[in-house]
Structure formats: structure tokens, C-alpha cells
Amino acid sequence: MATTTAEPRRAGEKSLPTLATELWQLVLGYLKQETVEPLKGMLHFLAWGVAGSLLLSVGLSLWLLGLLRALQTETGSHLAGNLSFLPYVITLTAGVVVAGLAARAIGSQKRKAARKGTMA
């Protein structure tokens, strides 16, 4: 009669399938924590950024169009003939100034970080 020398399990030990299941759950939880959750946060940030940029571009376009039409109607007789291009130049200049201010505001945080010696 063959006797087996299998030792009885101690109170703290778990079976191999239980350990494999716990390892799988641990790895899956870690992957969710390190990939899925940051992606959700990034998509949320991106969605608000896209919505804001669309609203801002529509608003600025309407503002520039309103400026052009106001210049054309309110200065009708003064900017007629050879000066009829002036409302367009003024509107273009206003658009370039707004774009320049926006670019300066975007880059200001990077310049401040560069002066301090840290990157943002």
C-alpha cells in the first residue's frame, strides 16, 4: 500500500487556483487604476476643451463679423470709395491682436516655469 506524504495545509495557505484568481484580480485592478481611470479623466478634460474651443471660435467669429458690419454701416460715407477696404483691415487687425493675446496667454505659463527652472 502506497502512502502519500502530502502535508496538510496550514491555516494561512491558499490553494493554487485561489492564488491565481487573486493574482488575476490584482493585475486587473492595477491595470484599471493605471490606464482606464487616467484615460477617463483625460477624455473628460479633452471633451470640455473641445467644447470650449468650439464655442470660443464661434463667438469670436461672430464678434469679428459684427465689428466688420458695424464699421461698414456706421462709417458708410466716411469710408466710401477708395477707403472701402479699411473696415476689413481694421477687422483683420483686431483678429490678429486677439490671436496674439491668446498665444501670449498660452505661452506665459511655460515662460514662468522656464524662469523658475521647472517644467510645467
PDB file of N, CA and C in Angstrom:
ATOM      1  N   MET A   1       0.835  -1.151   0.000  1.00  0.00           N
ATOM      2  CA  MET A   1       0.000   0.000   0.000  1.00  0.00           C
ATOM      3  C   MET A   1       0.893   1.231   0.000  1.00  0.00           C
ATOM      4  N   ALA A   2       0.626   2.114  -0.955  1.00  0.00           N
ATOM      5  CA  ALA A   2       1.456   3.307  -1.070  1.00  0.00           C
ATOM      6  C   ALA A   2       0.891   4.388  -0.167  1.00  0.00           C
ATOM      7  N   THR A   3       1.786   5.012   0.501  1.00  0.00           N
ATOM      8  CA  THR A   3       1.361   6.115   1.367  1.00  0.00           C
ATOM      9  C   THR A   3       1.790   7.421   0.722  1.00  0.00           C
ATOM     10  N   THR A   4       0.952   8.382   0.818  1.00  0.00           N
ATOM     11  CA  THR A   4       1.293   9.700   0.265  1.00  0.00           C
ATOM     12  C   THR A   4       1.859  10.544   1.384  1.00  0.00           C
ATOM     13  N   THR A   5       2.806  11.338   1.016  1.00  0.00           N
ATOM     14  CA  THR A   5       3.448  12.197   2.006  1.00  0.00           C
ATOM     15  C   THR A   5       2.984  13.636   1.869  1.00  0.00           C
ATOM     16  N   ALA A   6       1.746  13.810   1.435  1.00  0.00           N
ATOM     17  CA  ALA A   6       1.218  15.163   1.300  1.00  0.00           C
ATOM     18  C   ALA A   6       1.025  15.760   2.680  1.00  0.00           C
ATOM     19  N   GLU A   7       1.560  16.954   2.806  1.00  0.00           N
ATOM     20  CA  GLU A   7       1.438  17.618   4.095  1.00  0.00           C
ATOM     21  C   GLU A   7       0.085  18.318   4.173  1.00  0.00           C
ATOM     22  N   PRO A   8      -0.490  18.351   5.316  1.00  0.00           N
ATOM     23  CA  PRO A   8      -1.759  19.062   5.444  1.00  0.00           C
ATOM     24  C   PRO A   8      -1.530  20.570   5.312  1.00  0.00           C
ATOM     25  N   ARG A   9      -2.525  21.251   4.790  1.00  0.00           N
ATOM     26  CA  ARG A   9      -2.405  22.693   4.617  1.00  0.00           C
ATOM     27  C   ARG A   9      -2.432  23.392   5.962  1.00  0.00           C
ATOM     28  N   ARG A  10      -1.640  24.435   5.995  1.00  0.00           N
ATOM     29  CA  ARG A  10      -1.667  25.255   7.197  1.00  0.00           C
ATOM     30  C   ARG A  10      -2.825  26.240   7.089  1.00  0.00           C
ATOM     31  N   ALA A  11      -3.115  26.896   8.169  1.00  0.00           N
ATOM     32  CA  ALA A  11      -4.282  27.775   8.215  1.00  0.00           C
ATOM     33  C   ALA A  11      -4.160  28.955   7.255  1.00  0.00           C
ATOM     34  N   GLY A  12      -2.954  29.504   7.023  1.00  0.00           N
ATOM     35  CA  GLY A  12      -2.779  30.687   6.193  1.00  0.00           C
ATOM     36  C   GLY A  12      -2.590  30.401   4.725  1.00  0.00           C
ATOM     37  N   GLU A  13      -2.417  29.182   4.324  1.00  0.00           N
ATOM     38  CA  GLU A  13      -2.151  28.857   2.924  1.00  0.00           C
ATOM     39  C   GLU A  13      -3.434  28.753   2.125  1.00  0.00           C
ATOM     40  N   LYS A  14      -3.329  29.107   0.829  1.00  0.00           N
ATOM     41  CA  LYS A  14      -4.477  29.047  -0.077  1.00  0.00           C
ATOM     42  C   LYS A  14      -4.138  28.096  -1.210  1.00  0.00           C
ATOM     43  N   SER A  15      -5.162  27.612  -1.860  1.00  0.00           N
ATOM     44  CA  SER A  15      -4.934  26.689  -2.970  1.00  0.00           C
ATOM     45  C   SER A  15      -4.414  27.464  -4.187  1.00  0.00           C
ATOM     46  N   LEU A  16      -3.824  26.752  -5.119  1.00  0.00           N
ATOM     47  CA  LEU A  16      -3.251  27.356  -6.315  1.00  0.00           C
ATOM     48  C   LEU A  16      -4.305  28.074  -7.163  1.00  0.00           C
ATOM     49  N   PRO A  17      -5.479  27.501  -7.412  1.00  0.00           N
ATOM     50  CA  PRO A  17      -6.496  28.242  -8.181  1.00  0.00           C
ATOM     51  C   PRO A  17      -6.942  29.529  -7.475  1.00  0.00           C
ATOM     52  N   THR A  18      -7.015  29.498  -6.158  1.00  0.00           N
ATOM     53  CA  THR A  18      -7.398  30.703  -5.414  1.00  0.00           C
ATOM     54  C   THR A  18      -6.326  31.767  -5.560  1.00  0.00           C
ATOM     55  N   LEU A  19      -5.065  31.379  -5.477  1.00  0.00           N
ATOM     56  CA  LEU A  19      -3.964  32.332  -5.653  1.00  0.00           C
ATOM     57  C   LEU A  19      -3.954  32.913  -7.064  1.00  0.00           C
ATOM     58  N   ALA A  20      -4.208  32.066  -8.059  1.00  0.00           N
ATOM     59  CA  ALA A  20      -4.239  32.540  -9.449  1.00  0.00           C
ATOM     60  C   ALA A  20      -5.376  33.527  -9.657  1.00  0.00           C
ATOM     61  N   THR A  21      -6.527  33.241  -9.071  1.00  0.00           N
ATOM     62  CA  THR A  21      -7.671  34.147  -9.193  1.00  0.00           C
ATOM     63  C   THR A  21      -7.377  35.478  -8.515  1.00  0.00           C
ATOM     64  N   GLU A  22      -6.781  35.444  -7.339  1.00  0.00           N
ATOM     65  CA  GLU A  22      -6.441  36.674  -6.633  1.00  0.00           C
ATOM     66  C   GLU A  22      -5.389  37.479  -7.396  1.00  0.00           C
ATOM     67  N   LEU A  23      -4.426  36.789  -7.992  1.00  0.00           N
ATOM     68  CA  LEU A  23      -3.407  37.471  -8.788  1.00  0.00           C
ATOM     69  C   LEU A  23      -4.042  38.144  -9.996  1.00  0.00           C
ATOM     70  N   TRP A  24      -4.948  37.440 -10.669  1.00  0.00           N
ATOM     71  CA  TRP A  24      -5.624  37.998 -11.829  1.00  0.00           C
ATOM     72  C   TRP A  24      -6.428  39.244 -11.436  1.00  0.00           C
ATOM     73  N   GLN A  25      -7.144  39.176 -10.321  1.00  0.00           N
ATOM     74  CA  GLN A  25      -7.924  40.319  -9.855  1.00  0.00           C
ATOM     75  C   GLN A  25      -7.010  41.492  -9.484  1.00  0.00           C
ATOM     76  N   LEU A  26      -5.871  41.194  -8.889  1.00  0.00           N
ATOM     77  CA  LEU A  26      -4.916  42.233  -8.526  1.00  0.00           C
ATOM     78  C   LEU A  26      -4.347  42.916  -9.774  1.00  0.00           C
ATOM     79  N   VAL A  27      -3.965  42.119 -10.768  1.00  0.00           N
ATOM     80  CA  VAL A  27      -3.418  42.673 -12.011  1.00  0.00           C
ATOM     81  C   VAL A  27      -4.484  43.478 -12.746  1.00  0.00           C
ATOM     82  N   LEU A  28      -5.701  42.957 -12.804  1.00  0.00           N
ATOM     83  CA  LEU A  28      -6.788  43.650 -13.477  1.00  0.00           C
ATOM     84  C   LEU A  28      -7.100  44.974 -12.779  1.00  0.00           C
ATOM     85  N   GLY A  29      -7.138  44.986 -11.468  1.00  0.00           N
ATOM     86  CA  GLY A  29      -7.364  46.215 -10.720  1.00  0.00           C
ATOM     87  C   GLY A  29      -6.265  47.230 -10.947  1.00  0.00           C
ATOM     88  N   TYR A  30      -5.034  46.757 -10.992  1.00  0.00           N
ATOM     89  CA  TYR A  30      -3.900  47.652 -11.233  1.00  0.00           C
ATOM     90  C   TYR A  30      -3.989  48.269 -12.629  1.00  0.00           C
ATOM     91  N   LEU A  31      -4.309  47.453 -13.626  1.00  0.00           N
ATOM     92  CA  LEU A  31      -4.422  47.972 -14.990  1.00  0.00           C
ATOM     93  C   LEU A  31      -5.526  49.005 -15.097  1.00  0.00           C
ATOM     94  N   LYS A  32      -6.649  48.756 -14.445  1.00  0.00           N
ATOM     95  CA  LYS A  32      -7.733  49.738 -14.469  1.00  0.00           C
ATOM     96  C   LYS A  32      -7.292  51.028 -13.795  1.00  0.00           C
ATOM     97  N   GLN A  33      -6.616  50.887 -12.681  1.00  0.00           N
ATOM     98  CA  GLN A  33      -6.180  52.062 -11.931  1.00  0.00           C
ATOM     99  C   GLN A  33      -5.171  52.886 -12.731  1.00  0.00           C
ATOM    100  N   GLU A  34      -4.273  52.240 -13.432  1.00  0.00           N
ATOM    101  CA  GLU A  34      -3.193  52.940 -14.112  1.00  0.00           C
ATOM    102  C   GLU A  34      -3.475  53.298 -15.565  1.00  0.00           C
ATOM    103  N   THR A  35      -4.512  52.718 -16.168  1.00  0.00           N
ATOM    104  CA  THR A  35      -4.786  53.024 -17.577  1.00  0.00           C
ATOM    105  C   THR A  35      -6.187  53.558 -17.799  1.00  0.00           C
ATOM    106  N   VAL A  36      -7.186  52.837 -17.376  1.00  0.00           N
ATOM    107  CA  VAL A  36      -8.559  53.210 -17.706  1.00  0.00           C
ATOM    108  C   VAL A  36      -8.971  54.491 -16.988  1.00  0.00           C
ATOM    109  N   GLU A  37      -8.694  54.594 -15.710  1.00  0.00           N
ATOM    110  CA  GLU A  37      -9.105  55.779 -14.957  1.00  0.00           C
ATOM    111  C   GLU A  37      -8.399  57.057 -15.440  1.00  0.00           C
ATOM    112  N   PRO A  38      -7.081  57.034 -15.693  1.00  0.00           N
ATOM    113  CA  PRO A  38      -6.468  58.246 -16.262  1.00  0.00           C
ATOM    114  C   PRO A  38      -7.012  58.599 -17.652  1.00  0.00           C
ATOM    115  N   LEU A  39      -7.324  57.580 -18.461  1.00  0.00           N
ATOM    116  CA  LEU A  39      -7.898  57.852 -19.779  1.00  0.00           C
ATOM    117  C   LEU A  39      -9.271  58.495 -19.660  1.00  0.00           C
ATOM    118  N   LYS A  40     -10.072  58.043 -18.702  1.00  0.00           N
ATOM    119  CA  LYS A  40     -11.381  58.662 -18.496  1.00  0.00           C
ATOM    120  C   LYS A  40     -11.224  60.125 -18.104  1.00  0.00           C
ATOM    121  N   GLY A  41     -10.270  60.400 -17.220  1.00  0.00           N
ATOM    122  CA  GLY A  41     -10.027  61.775 -16.821  1.00  0.00           C
ATOM    123  C   GLY A  41      -9.538  62.618 -17.984  1.00  0.00           C
ATOM    124  N   MET A  42      -8.678  62.046 -18.812  1.00  0.00           N
ATOM    125  CA  MET A  42      -8.156  62.777 -19.963  1.00  0.00           C
ATOM    126  C   MET A  42      -9.268  63.037 -20.987  1.00  0.00           C
ATOM    127  N   LEU A  43     -10.138  62.061 -21.209  1.00  0.00           N
ATOM    128  CA  LEU A  43     -11.237  62.253 -22.150  1.00  0.00           C
ATOM    129  C   LEU A  43     -12.209  63.312 -21.641  1.00  0.00           C
ATOM    130  N   HIS A  44     -12.431  63.340 -20.334  1.00  0.00           N
ATOM    131  CA  HIS A  44     -13.290  64.366 -19.744  1.00  0.00           C
ATOM    132  C   HIS A  44     -12.673  65.752 -19.970  1.00  0.00           C
ATOM    133  N   PHE A  45     -11.390  65.873 -19.720  1.00  0.00           N
ATOM    134  CA  PHE A  45     -10.666  67.129 -19.932  1.00  0.00           C
ATOM    135  C   PHE A  45     -10.709  67.527 -21.404  1.00  0.00           C
ATOM    136  N   LEU A  46     -10.498  66.554 -22.289  1.00  0.00           N
ATOM    137  CA  LEU A  46     -10.493  66.808 -23.721  1.00  0.00           C
ATOM    138  C   LEU A  46     -11.871  67.239 -24.217  1.00  0.00           C
ATOM    139  N   ALA A  47     -12.921  66.607 -23.703  1.00  0.00           N
ATOM    140  CA  ALA A  47     -14.280  66.956 -24.127  1.00  0.00           C
ATOM    141  C   ALA A  47     -14.606  68.399 -23.762  1.00  0.00           C
ATOM    142  N   TRP A  48     -14.268  68.812 -22.547  1.00  0.00           N
ATOM    143  CA  TRP A  48     -14.519  70.198 -22.152  1.00  0.00           C
ATOM    144  C   TRP A  48     -13.649  71.161 -22.969  1.00  0.00           C
ATOM    145  N   GLY A  49     -12.426  70.766 -23.274  1.00  0.00           N
ATOM    146  CA  GLY A  49     -11.550  71.616 -24.076  1.00  0.00           C
ATOM    147  C   GLY A  49     -12.064  71.812 -25.487  1.00  0.00           C
ATOM    148  N   VAL A  50     -12.538  70.735 -26.105  1.00  0.00           N
ATOM    149  CA  VAL A  50     -13.073  70.830 -27.465  1.00  0.00           C
ATOM    150  C   VAL A  50     -14.342  71.671 -27.472  1.00  0.00           C
ATOM    151  N   ALA A  51     -15.225  71.440 -26.509  1.00  0.00           N
ATOM    152  CA  ALA A  51     -16.461  72.219 -26.439  1.00  0.00           C
ATOM    153  C   ALA A  51     -16.143  73.702 -26.227  1.00  0.00           C
ATOM    154  N   GLY A  52     -15.211  73.996 -25.343  1.00  0.00           N
ATOM    155  CA  GLY A  52     -14.848  75.384 -25.093  1.00  0.00           C
ATOM    156  C   GLY A  52     -14.219  76.052 -26.304  1.00  0.00           C
ATOM    157  N   SER A  53     -13.358  75.321 -26.996  1.00  0.00           N
ATOM    158  CA  SER A  53     -12.710  75.918 -28.167  1.00  0.00           C
ATOM    159  C   SER A  53     -13.715  76.155 -29.299  1.00  0.00           C
ATOM    160  N   LEU A  54     -14.681  75.246 -29.457  1.00  0.00           N
ATOM    161  CA  LEU A  54     -15.702  75.469 -30.481  1.00  0.00           C
ATOM    162  C   LEU A  54     -16.558  76.684 -30.153  1.00  0.00           C
ATOM    163  N   LEU A  55     -16.975  76.789 -28.907  1.00  0.00           N
ATOM    164  CA  LEU A  55     -17.784  77.947 -28.518  1.00  0.00           C
ATOM    165  C   LEU A  55     -16.992  79.246 -28.642  1.00  0.00           C
ATOM    166  N   LEU A  56     -15.737  79.205 -28.254  1.00  0.00           N
ATOM    167  CA  LEU A  56     -14.901  80.397 -28.356  1.00  0.00           C
ATOM    168  C   LEU A  56     -14.681  80.799 -29.811  1.00  0.00           C
ATOM    169  N   SER A  57     -14.447  79.844 -30.684  1.00  0.00           N
ATOM    170  CA  SER A  57     -14.230  80.184 -32.094  1.00  0.00           C
ATOM    171  C   SER A  57     -15.498  80.733 -32.741  1.00  0.00           C
ATOM    172  N   VAL A  58     -16.644  80.166 -32.408  1.00  0.00           N
ATOM    173  CA  VAL A  58     -17.893  80.700 -32.958  1.00  0.00           C
ATOM    174  C   VAL A  58     -18.142  82.108 -32.413  1.00  0.00           C
ATOM    175  N   GLY A  59     -17.930  82.292 -31.126  1.00  0.00           N
ATOM    176  CA  GLY A  59     -18.144  83.613 -30.525  1.00  0.00           C
ATOM    177  C   GLY A  59     -17.216  84.669 -31.097  1.00  0.00           C
ATOM    178  N   LEU A  60     -15.942  84.334 -31.254  1.00  0.00           N
ATOM    179  CA  LEU A  60     -15.000  85.307 -31.808  1.00  0.00           C
ATOM    180  C   LEU A  60     -15.291  85.600 -33.276  1.00  0.00           C
ATOM    181  N   SER A  61     -15.714  84.583 -34.018  1.00  0.00           N
ATOM    182  CA  SER A  61     -16.071  84.810 -35.423  1.00  0.00           C
ATOM    183  C   SER A  61     -17.261  85.748 -35.531  1.00  0.00           C
ATOM    184  N   LEU A  62     -18.272  85.531 -34.694  1.00  0.00           N
ATOM    185  CA  LEU A  62     -19.436  86.417 -34.719  1.00  0.00           C
ATOM    186  C   LEU A  62     -19.064  87.828 -34.254  1.00  0.00           C
ATOM    187  N   TRP A  63     -18.175  87.925 -33.286  1.00  0.00           N
ATOM    188  CA  TRP A  63     -17.737  89.243 -32.818  1.00  0.00           C
ATOM    189  C   TRP A  63     -17.006  89.994 -33.934  1.00  0.00           C
ATOM    190  N   LEU A  64     -16.121  89.293 -34.651  1.00  0.00           N
ATOM    191  CA  LEU A  64     -15.396  89.938 -35.756  1.00  0.00           C
ATOM    192  C   LEU A  64     -16.342  90.318 -36.890  1.00  0.00           C
ATOM    193  N   LEU A  65     -17.311  89.462 -37.175  1.00  0.00           N
ATOM    194  CA  LEU A  65     -18.283  89.790 -38.218  1.00  0.00           C
ATOM    195  C   LEU A  65     -19.123  90.996 -37.798  1.00  0.00           C
ATOM    196  N   GLY A  66     -19.509  91.040 -36.526  1.00  0.00           N
ATOM    197  CA  GLY A  66     -20.254  92.198 -36.025  1.00  0.00           C
ATOM    198  C   GLY A  66     -19.432  93.472 -36.097  1.00  0.00           C
ATOM    199  N   LEU A  67     -18.149  93.369 -35.767  1.00  0.00           N
ATOM    200  CA  LEU A  67     -17.264  94.530 -35.869  1.00  0.00           C
ATOM    201  C   LEU A  67     -17.173  95.018 -37.309  1.00  0.00           C
ATOM    202  N   LEU A  68     -17.026  94.095 -38.244  1.00  0.00           N
ATOM    203  CA  LEU A  68     -16.944  94.467 -39.657  1.00  0.00           C
ATOM    204  C   LEU A  68     -18.223  95.149 -40.121  1.00  0.00           C
ATOM    205  N   ARG A  69     -19.363  94.554 -39.795  1.00  0.00           N
ATOM    206  CA  ARG A  69     -20.637  95.146 -40.226  1.00  0.00           C
ATOM    207  C   ARG A  69     -20.870  96.499 -39.556  1.00  0.00           C
ATOM    208  N   ALA A  70     -20.476  96.647 -38.293  1.00  0.00           N
ATOM    209  CA  ALA A  70     -20.631  97.933 -37.618  1.00  0.00           C
ATOM    210  C   ALA A  70     -19.756  98.993 -38.272  1.00  0.00           C
ATOM    211  N   LEU A  71     -18.527  98.627 -38.601  1.00  0.00           N
ATOM    212  CA  LEU A  71     -17.642  99.584 -39.277  1.00  0.00           C
ATOM    213  C   LEU A  71     -18.182  99.963 -40.653  1.00  0.00           C
ATOM    214  N   GLN A  72     -18.765  99.012 -41.361  1.00  0.00           N
ATOM    215  CA  GLN A  72     -19.284  99.299 -42.698  1.00  0.00           C
ATOM    216  C   GLN A  72     -20.525 100.179 -42.652  1.00  0.00           C
ATOM    217  N   THR A  73     -21.403  99.933 -41.674  1.00  0.00           N
ATOM    218  CA  THR A  73     -22.651 100.712 -41.653  1.00  0.00           C
ATOM    219  C   THR A  73     -22.494 102.046 -40.943  1.00  0.00           C
ATOM    220  N   GLU A  74     -21.739 102.093 -39.872  1.00  0.00           N
ATOM    221  CA  GLU A  74     -21.631 103.328 -39.102  1.00  0.00           C
ATOM    222  C   GLU A  74     -20.679 104.346 -39.734  1.00  0.00           C
ATOM    223  N   THR A  75     -19.784 103.888 -40.562  1.00  0.00           N
ATOM    224  CA  THR A  75     -18.849 104.809 -41.213  1.00  0.00           C
ATOM    225  C   THR A  75     -19.062 104.801 -42.720  1.00  0.00           C
ATOM    226  N   GLY A  76     -20.293 104.585 -43.142  1.00  0.00           N
ATOM    227  CA  GLY A  76     -20.615 104.404 -44.563  1.00  0.00           C
ATOM    228  C   GLY A  76     -20.083 105.486 -45.467  1.00  0.00           C
ATOM    229  N   SER A  77     -20.395 106.716 -45.212  1.00  0.00           N
ATOM    230  CA  SER A  77     -19.987 107.791 -46.128  1.00  0.00           C
ATOM    231  C   SER A  77     -18.528 108.199 -45.911  1.00  0.00           C
ATOM    232  N   HIS A  78     -18.012 107.965 -44.696  1.00  0.00           N
ATOM    233  CA  HIS A  78     -16.624 108.357 -44.421  1.00  0.00           C
ATOM    234  C   HIS A  78     -15.612 107.398 -45.046  1.00  0.00           C
ATOM    235  N   LEU A  79     -15.964 106.133 -45.080  1.00  0.00           N
ATOM    236  CA  LEU A  79     -15.045 105.127 -45.637  1.00  0.00           C
ATOM    237  C   LEU A  79     -15.595 104.579 -46.956  1.00  0.00           C
ATOM    238  N   ALA A  80     -16.045 105.428 -47.807  1.00  0.00           N
ATOM    239  CA  ALA A  80     -16.566 105.014 -49.111  1.00  0.00           C
ATOM    240  C   ALA A  80     -15.497 105.278 -50.176  1.00  0.00           C
ATOM    241  N   GLY A  81     -15.692 104.687 -51.309  1.00  0.00           N
ATOM    242  CA  GLY A  81     -14.774 104.919 -52.426  1.00  0.00           C
ATOM    243  C   GLY A  81     -13.452 104.208 -52.220  1.00  0.00           C
ATOM    244  N   ASN A  82     -12.370 105.009 -52.202  1.00  0.00           N
ATOM    245  CA  ASN A  82     -11.030 104.442 -52.097  1.00  0.00           C
ATOM    246  C   ASN A  82     -10.726 103.857 -50.718  1.00  0.00           C
ATOM    247  N   LEU A  83     -11.483 104.220 -49.693  1.00  0.00           N
ATOM    248  CA  LEU A  83     -11.231 103.736 -48.330  1.00  0.00           C
ATOM    249  C   LEU A  83     -12.168 102.596 -47.920  1.00  0.00           C
ATOM    250  N   SER A  84     -12.867 102.001 -48.868  1.00  0.00           N
ATOM    251  CA  SER A  84     -13.829 100.948 -48.521  1.00  0.00           C
ATOM    252  C   SER A  84     -13.143  99.686 -47.991  1.00  0.00           C
ATOM    253  N   PHE A  85     -11.867  99.546 -48.203  1.00  0.00           N
ATOM    254  CA  PHE A  85     -11.130  98.377 -47.695  1.00  0.00           C
ATOM    255  C   PHE A  85     -10.774  98.512 -46.221  1.00  0.00           C
ATOM    256  N   LEU A  86     -10.845  99.715 -45.670  1.00  0.00           N
ATOM    257  CA  LEU A  86     -10.391  99.978 -44.304  1.00  0.00           C
ATOM    258  C   LEU A  86     -11.137  99.176 -43.223  1.00  0.00           C
ATOM    259  N   PRO A  87     -12.470  98.999 -43.305  1.00  0.00           N
ATOM    260  CA  PRO A  87     -13.120  98.154 -42.295  1.00  0.00           C
ATOM    261  C   PRO A  87     -12.574  96.721 -42.268  1.00  0.00           C
ATOM    262  N   TYR A  88     -12.215  96.194 -43.417  1.00  0.00           N
ATOM    263  CA  TYR A  88     -11.644  94.849 -43.485  1.00  0.00           C
ATOM    264  C   TYR A  88     -10.270  94.804 -42.815  1.00  0.00           C
ATOM    265  N   VAL A  89      -9.466  95.828 -43.048  1.00  0.00           N
ATOM    266  CA  VAL A  89      -8.132  95.898 -42.446  1.00  0.00           C
ATOM    267  C   VAL A  89      -8.247  96.027 -40.924  1.00  0.00           C
ATOM    268  N   ILE A  90      -9.175  96.850 -40.467  1.00  0.00           N
ATOM    269  CA  ILE A  90      -9.370  97.027 -39.025  1.00  0.00           C
ATOM    270  C   ILE A  90      -9.835  95.728 -38.385  1.00  0.00           C
ATOM    271  N   THR A  91     -10.759  95.037 -39.038  1.00  0.00           N
ATOM    272  CA  THR A  91     -11.263  93.765 -38.516  1.00  0.00           C
ATOM    273  C   THR A  91     -10.162  92.717 -38.508  1.00  0.00           C
ATOM    274  N   LEU A  92      -9.378  92.651 -39.565  1.00  0.00           N
ATOM    275  CA  LEU A  92      -8.267  91.706 -39.612  1.00  0.00           C
ATOM    276  C   LEU A  92      -7.257  92.006 -38.507  1.00  0.00           C
ATOM    277  N   THR A  93      -6.966  93.272 -38.290  1.00  0.00           N
ATOM    278  CA  THR A  93      -6.035  93.670 -37.236  1.00  0.00           C
ATOM    279  C   THR A  93      -6.570  93.275 -35.859  1.00  0.00           C
ATOM    280  N   ALA A  94      -7.863  93.481 -35.633  1.00  0.00           N
ATOM    281  CA  ALA A  94      -8.469  93.096 -34.352  1.00  0.00           C
ATOM    282  C   ALA A  94      -8.375  91.581 -34.146  1.00  0.00           C
ATOM    283  N   GLY A  95      -8.600  90.806 -35.207  1.00  0.00           N
ATOM    284  CA  GLY A  95      -8.480  89.348 -35.109  1.00  0.00           C
ATOM    285  C   GLY A  95      -7.062  88.910 -34.799  1.00  0.00           C
ATOM    286  N   VAL A  96      -6.090  89.544 -35.426  1.00  0.00           N
ATOM    287  CA  VAL A  96      -4.686  89.208 -35.182  1.00  0.00           C
ATOM    288  C   VAL A  96      -4.287  89.585 -33.750  1.00  0.00           C
ATOM    289  N   VAL A  97      -4.784  90.712 -33.261  1.00  0.00           N
ATOM    290  CA  VAL A  97      -4.481  91.122 -31.879  1.00  0.00           C
ATOM    291  C   VAL A  97      -5.065  90.112 -30.888  1.00  0.00           C
ATOM    292  N   VAL A  98      -6.301  89.695 -31.101  1.00  0.00           N
ATOM    293  CA  VAL A  98      -6.931  88.706 -30.207  1.00  0.00           C
ATOM    294  C   VAL A  98      -6.156  87.389 -30.253  1.00  0.00           C
ATOM    295  N   ALA A  99      -5.756  86.952 -31.442  1.00  0.00           N
ATOM    296  CA  ALA A  99      -4.984  85.714 -31.566  1.00  0.00           C
ATOM    297  C   ALA A  99      -3.625  85.832 -30.891  1.00  0.00           C
ATOM    298  N   GLY A 100      -2.994  86.987 -31.027  1.00  0.00           N
ATOM    299  CA  GLY A 100      -1.708  87.213 -30.375  1.00  0.00           C
ATOM    300  C   GLY A 100      -1.820  87.209 -28.864  1.00  0.00           C
ATOM    301  N   LEU A 101      -2.879  87.838 -28.330  1.00  0.00           N
ATOM    302  CA  LEU A 101      -3.091  87.826 -26.883  1.00  0.00           C
ATOM    303  C   LEU A 101      -3.349  86.409 -26.372  1.00  0.00           C
ATOM    304  N   ALA A 102      -4.089  85.629 -27.147  1.00  0.00           N
ATOM    305  CA  ALA A 102      -4.347  84.243 -26.755  1.00  0.00           C
ATOM    306  C   ALA A 102      -3.059  83.422 -26.763  1.00  0.00           C
ATOM    307  N   ALA A 103      -2.237  83.602 -27.777  1.00  0.00           N
ATOM    308  CA  ALA A 103      -0.967  82.875 -27.849  1.00  0.00           C
ATOM    309  C   ALA A 103      -0.038  83.297 -26.715  1.00  0.00           C
ATOM    310  N   ARG A 104      -0.054  84.568 -26.383  1.00  0.00           N
ATOM    311  CA  ARG A 104       0.783  85.044 -25.278  1.00  0.00           C
ATOM    312  C   ARG A 104       0.319  84.458 -23.948  1.00  0.00           C
ATOM    313  N   ALA A 105      -0.985  84.382 -23.757  1.00  0.00           N
ATOM    314  CA  ALA A 105      -1.525  83.817 -22.514  1.00  0.00           C
ATOM    315  C   ALA A 105      -1.218  82.326 -22.416  1.00  0.00           C
ATOM    316  N   ILE A 106      -1.251  81.621 -23.527  1.00  0.00           N
ATOM    317  CA  ILE A 106      -0.941  80.184 -23.519  1.00  0.00           C
ATOM    318  C   ILE A 106       0.525  79.968 -23.177  1.00  0.00           C
ATOM    319  N   GLY A 107       1.410  80.781 -23.734  1.00  0.00           N
ATOM    320  CA  GLY A 107       2.839  80.611 -23.507  1.00  0.00           C
ATOM    321  C   GLY A 107       3.351  81.187 -22.206  1.00  0.00           C
ATOM    322  N   SER A 108       2.537  81.995 -21.520  1.00  0.00           N
ATOM    323  CA  SER A 108       3.026  82.653 -20.305  1.00  0.00           C
ATOM    324  C   SER A 108       3.337  81.655 -19.194  1.00  0.00           C
ATOM    325  N   GLN A 109       2.560  80.610 -19.079  1.00  0.00           N
ATOM    326  CA  GLN A 109       2.813  79.618 -18.037  1.00  0.00           C
ATOM    327  C   GLN A 109       4.126  78.875 -18.308  1.00  0.00           C
ATOM    328  N   LYS A 110       4.413  78.597 -19.547  1.00  0.00           N
ATOM    329  CA  LYS A 110       5.672  77.929 -19.891  1.00  0.00           C
ATOM    330  C   LYS A 110       6.866  78.849 -19.622  1.00  0.00           C
ATOM    331  N   ARG A 111       6.705  80.135 -19.924  1.00  0.00           N
ATOM    332  CA  ARG A 111       7.799  81.071 -19.661  1.00  0.00           C
ATOM    333  C   ARG A 111       8.068  81.213 -18.170  1.00  0.00           C
ATOM    334  N   LYS A 112       7.015  81.250 -17.372  1.00  0.00           N
ATOM    335  CA  LYS A 112       7.185  81.344 -15.921  1.00  0.00           C
ATOM    336  C   LYS A 112       7.881  80.103 -15.375  1.00  0.00           C
ATOM    337  N   ALA A 113       7.500  78.948 -15.887  1.00  0.00           N
ATOM    338  CA  ALA A 113       8.124  77.705 -15.437  1.00  0.00           C
ATOM    339  C   ALA A 113       9.588  77.659 -15.867  1.00  0.00           C
ATOM    340  N   ALA A 114       9.899  78.165 -17.054  1.00  0.00           N
ATOM    341  CA  ALA A 114      11.285  78.158 -17.528  1.00  0.00           C
ATOM    342  C   ALA A 114      12.159  79.090 -16.695  1.00  0.00           C
ATOM    343  N   ARG A 115      11.583  80.206 -16.254  1.00  0.00           N
ATOM    344  CA  ARG A 115      12.347  81.123 -15.404  1.00  0.00           C
ATOM    345  C   ARG A 115      12.650  80.511 -14.041  1.00  0.00           C
ATOM    346  N   LYS A 116      11.724  79.723 -13.533  1.00  0.00           N
ATOM    347  CA  LYS A 116      11.924  79.086 -12.228  1.00  0.00           C
ATOM    348  C   LYS A 116      12.808  77.851 -12.343  1.00  0.00           C
ATOM    349  N   GLY A 117      13.019  77.368 -13.531  1.00  0.00           N
ATOM    350  CA  GLY A 117      13.856  76.186 -13.725  1.00  0.00           C
ATOM    351  C   GLY A 117      13.087  74.881 -13.654  1.00  0.00           C
ATOM    352  N   THR A 118      11.776  74.948 -13.684  1.00  0.00           N
ATOM    353  CA  THR A 118      10.962  73.738 -13.682  1.00  0.00           C
ATOM    354  C   THR A 118      10.105  73.728 -14.928  1.00  0.00           C
ATOM    355  N   MET A 119       9.698  72.558 -15.304  1.00  0.00           N
ATOM    356  CA  MET A 119       8.806  72.422 -16.448  1.00  0.00           C
ATOM    357  C   MET A 119       7.387  72.216 -15.964  1.00  0.00           C
ATOM    358  N   ALA A 120       6.430  72.830 -16.654  1.00  0.00           N
ATOM    359  CA  ALA A 120       5.012  72.703 -16.263  1.00  0.00           C
ATOM    360  C   ALA A 120       4.454  71.411 -16.744  1.00  0.00           C
TER     361      ALA A 120
END
